[in-house]
Each structure stands twice: as C-alpha cells, then as structure tokens.
Amino acid sequence: MSLTDIVSSLNRPWLAEAGLVLFGAAFVAIICRLFSAGHRERDRAAAALPLEDAPSVIASDRTP
C-alpha cells in the first residue's frame, strides 16, 4: 500500500468543520476581549496616546 492510497482513502470533510470551529473560537475570543470590563482602562489610556511623535527639528532650522 502506497502513501497515495492511504491519503486518497482518508475522508476529510472534518477539515472544513475544524476550520470553521477555529474561526468561530477566534471570533468569540476577540469579541469577548473587546467588550470585557477589565481592559477598558487600558484601552482608554491607549486611545489617549498620540499617533505621531512631535515634529523633529530640521537641520536648516538649527542655529549655529
């Protein structure tokens, strides 16, 4: 019996179901993380952070 015979005889419809279950678990975990009360303060603090640093000084603006 060759490897081709073994692989072709496998019944693989469970692979699609396993992918769906993994996606559903990840989706539920992300939703729970978004709406959990424990992370609200950290999210508020992160929202208050600036998106960019202060503008840097250009070389021609410096005084000698």
C-alpha atoms as a PDB file:
ATOM      1  CA  MET A   1       0.000   0.000   0.000  1.00  0.00           C
ATOM      2  CA  SER A   2       1.492   3.332  -1.038  1.00  0.00           C
ATOM      3  CA  LEU A   3       1.138   6.737   0.565  1.00  0.00           C
ATOM      4  CA  THR A   4      -1.122   7.837  -2.292  1.00  0.00           C
ATOM      5  CA  ASP A   5      -3.579   5.062  -1.493  1.00  0.00           C
ATOM      6  CA  ILE A   6      -3.623   5.975   2.188  1.00  0.00           C
ATOM      7  CA  VAL A   7      -4.159   9.693   1.603  1.00  0.00           C
ATOM      8  CA  SER A   8      -6.814   9.155  -1.064  1.00  0.00           C
ATOM      9  CA  SER A   9      -8.748   6.835   1.240  1.00  0.00           C
ATOM     10  CA  LEU A  10      -8.961   9.412   4.013  1.00  0.00           C
ATOM     11  CA  ASN A  11     -12.338  11.014   4.466  1.00  0.00           C
ATOM     12  CA  ARG A  12     -11.570  14.696   5.073  1.00  0.00           C
ATOM     13  CA  PRO A  13     -14.868  16.600   5.433  1.00  0.00           C
ATOM     14  CA  TRP A  14     -13.961  17.298   9.058  1.00  0.00           C
ATOM     15  CA  LEU A  15     -11.198  19.669   7.909  1.00  0.00           C
ATOM     16  CA  ALA A  16     -13.754  22.269   6.817  1.00  0.00           C
ATOM     17  CA  GLU A  17     -15.598  21.868  10.106  1.00  0.00           C
ATOM     18  CA  ALA A  18     -12.360  22.196  12.075  1.00  0.00           C
ATOM     19  CA  GLY A  19     -11.530  25.426  10.243  1.00  0.00           C
ATOM     20  CA  LEU A  20     -14.993  26.776  10.973  1.00  0.00           C
ATOM     21  CA  VAL A  21     -14.667  25.903  14.655  1.00  0.00           C
ATOM     22  CA  LEU A  22     -11.241  27.560  14.888  1.00  0.00           C
ATOM     23  CA  PHE A  23     -12.544  30.695  13.178  1.00  0.00           C
ATOM     24  CA  GLY A  24     -15.570  30.791  15.484  1.00  0.00           C
ATOM     25  CA  ALA A  25     -13.383  30.394  18.564  1.00  0.00           C
ATOM     26  CA  ALA A  26     -11.084  33.206  17.450  1.00  0.00           C
ATOM     27  CA  PHE A  27     -14.065  35.439  16.655  1.00  0.00           C
ATOM     28  CA  VAL A  28     -15.657  34.851  20.065  1.00  0.00           C
ATOM     29  CA  ALA A  29     -12.323  35.448  21.823  1.00  0.00           C
ATOM     30  CA  ILE A  30     -11.863  38.786  20.042  1.00  0.00           C
ATOM     31  CA  ILE A  31     -15.425  39.893  20.814  1.00  0.00           C
ATOM     32  CA  CYS A  32     -15.020  38.928  24.479  1.00  0.00           C
ATOM     33  CA  ARG A  33     -11.741  40.852  24.605  1.00  0.00           C
ATOM     34  CA  LEU A  34     -13.334  43.948  23.095  1.00  0.00           C
ATOM     35  CA  PHE A  35     -16.248  44.070  25.477  1.00  0.00           C
ATOM     36  CA  SER A  36     -14.591  42.906  28.696  1.00  0.00           C
ATOM     37  CA  ALA A  37     -14.615  45.440  31.519  1.00  0.00           C
ATOM     38  CA  GLY A  38     -11.059  44.706  32.624  1.00  0.00           C
ATOM     39  CA  HIS A  39      -9.487  46.137  29.503  1.00  0.00           C
ATOM     40  CA  ARG A  40     -11.464  49.368  29.254  1.00  0.00           C
ATOM     41  CA  GLU A  41      -8.994  51.470  31.242  1.00  0.00           C
ATOM     42  CA  ARG A  42      -6.051  50.176  29.248  1.00  0.00           C
ATOM     43  CA  ASP A  43      -7.915  50.868  26.015  1.00  0.00           C
ATOM     44  CA  ARG A  44      -8.769  54.397  27.143  1.00  0.00           C
ATOM     45  CA  ALA A  45      -5.132  55.043  28.022  1.00  0.00           C
ATOM     46  CA  ALA A  46      -4.034  53.684  24.646  1.00  0.00           C
ATOM     47  CA  ALA A  47      -6.604  55.867  22.874  1.00  0.00           C
ATOM     48  CA  ALA A  48      -5.131  58.953  24.530  1.00  0.00           C
ATOM     49  CA  LEU A  49      -1.628  58.262  23.209  1.00  0.00           C
ATOM     50  CA  PRO A  50      -0.523  60.454  20.335  1.00  0.00           C
ATOM     51  CA  LEU A  51      -0.353  58.787  16.943  1.00  0.00           C
ATOM     52  CA  GLU A  52       2.813  60.629  15.961  1.00  0.00           C
ATOM     53  CA  ASP A  53       5.822  61.976  17.770  1.00  0.00           C
ATOM     54  CA  ALA A  54       6.437  65.688  17.933  1.00  0.00           C
ATOM     55  CA  PRO A  55       7.862  67.065  14.704  1.00  0.00           C
ATOM     56  CA  SER A  56      11.620  66.745  14.613  1.00  0.00           C
ATOM     57  CA  VAL A  57      13.871  69.722  14.113  1.00  0.00           C
ATOM     58  CA  ILE A  58      15.064  70.099  10.540  1.00  0.00           C
ATOM     59  CA  ALA A  59      18.803  70.662  10.134  1.00  0.00           C
ATOM     60  CA  SER A  60      18.314  74.060   8.454  1.00  0.00           C
ATOM     61  CA  ASP A  61      16.215  75.333  11.403  1.00  0.00           C
ATOM     62  CA  ARG A  62      19.052  74.930  13.877  1.00  0.00           C
ATOM     63  CA  THR A  63      21.046  77.950  14.852  1.00  0.00           C
ATOM     64  CA  PRO A  64      24.829  77.580  14.676  1.00  0.00           C
END
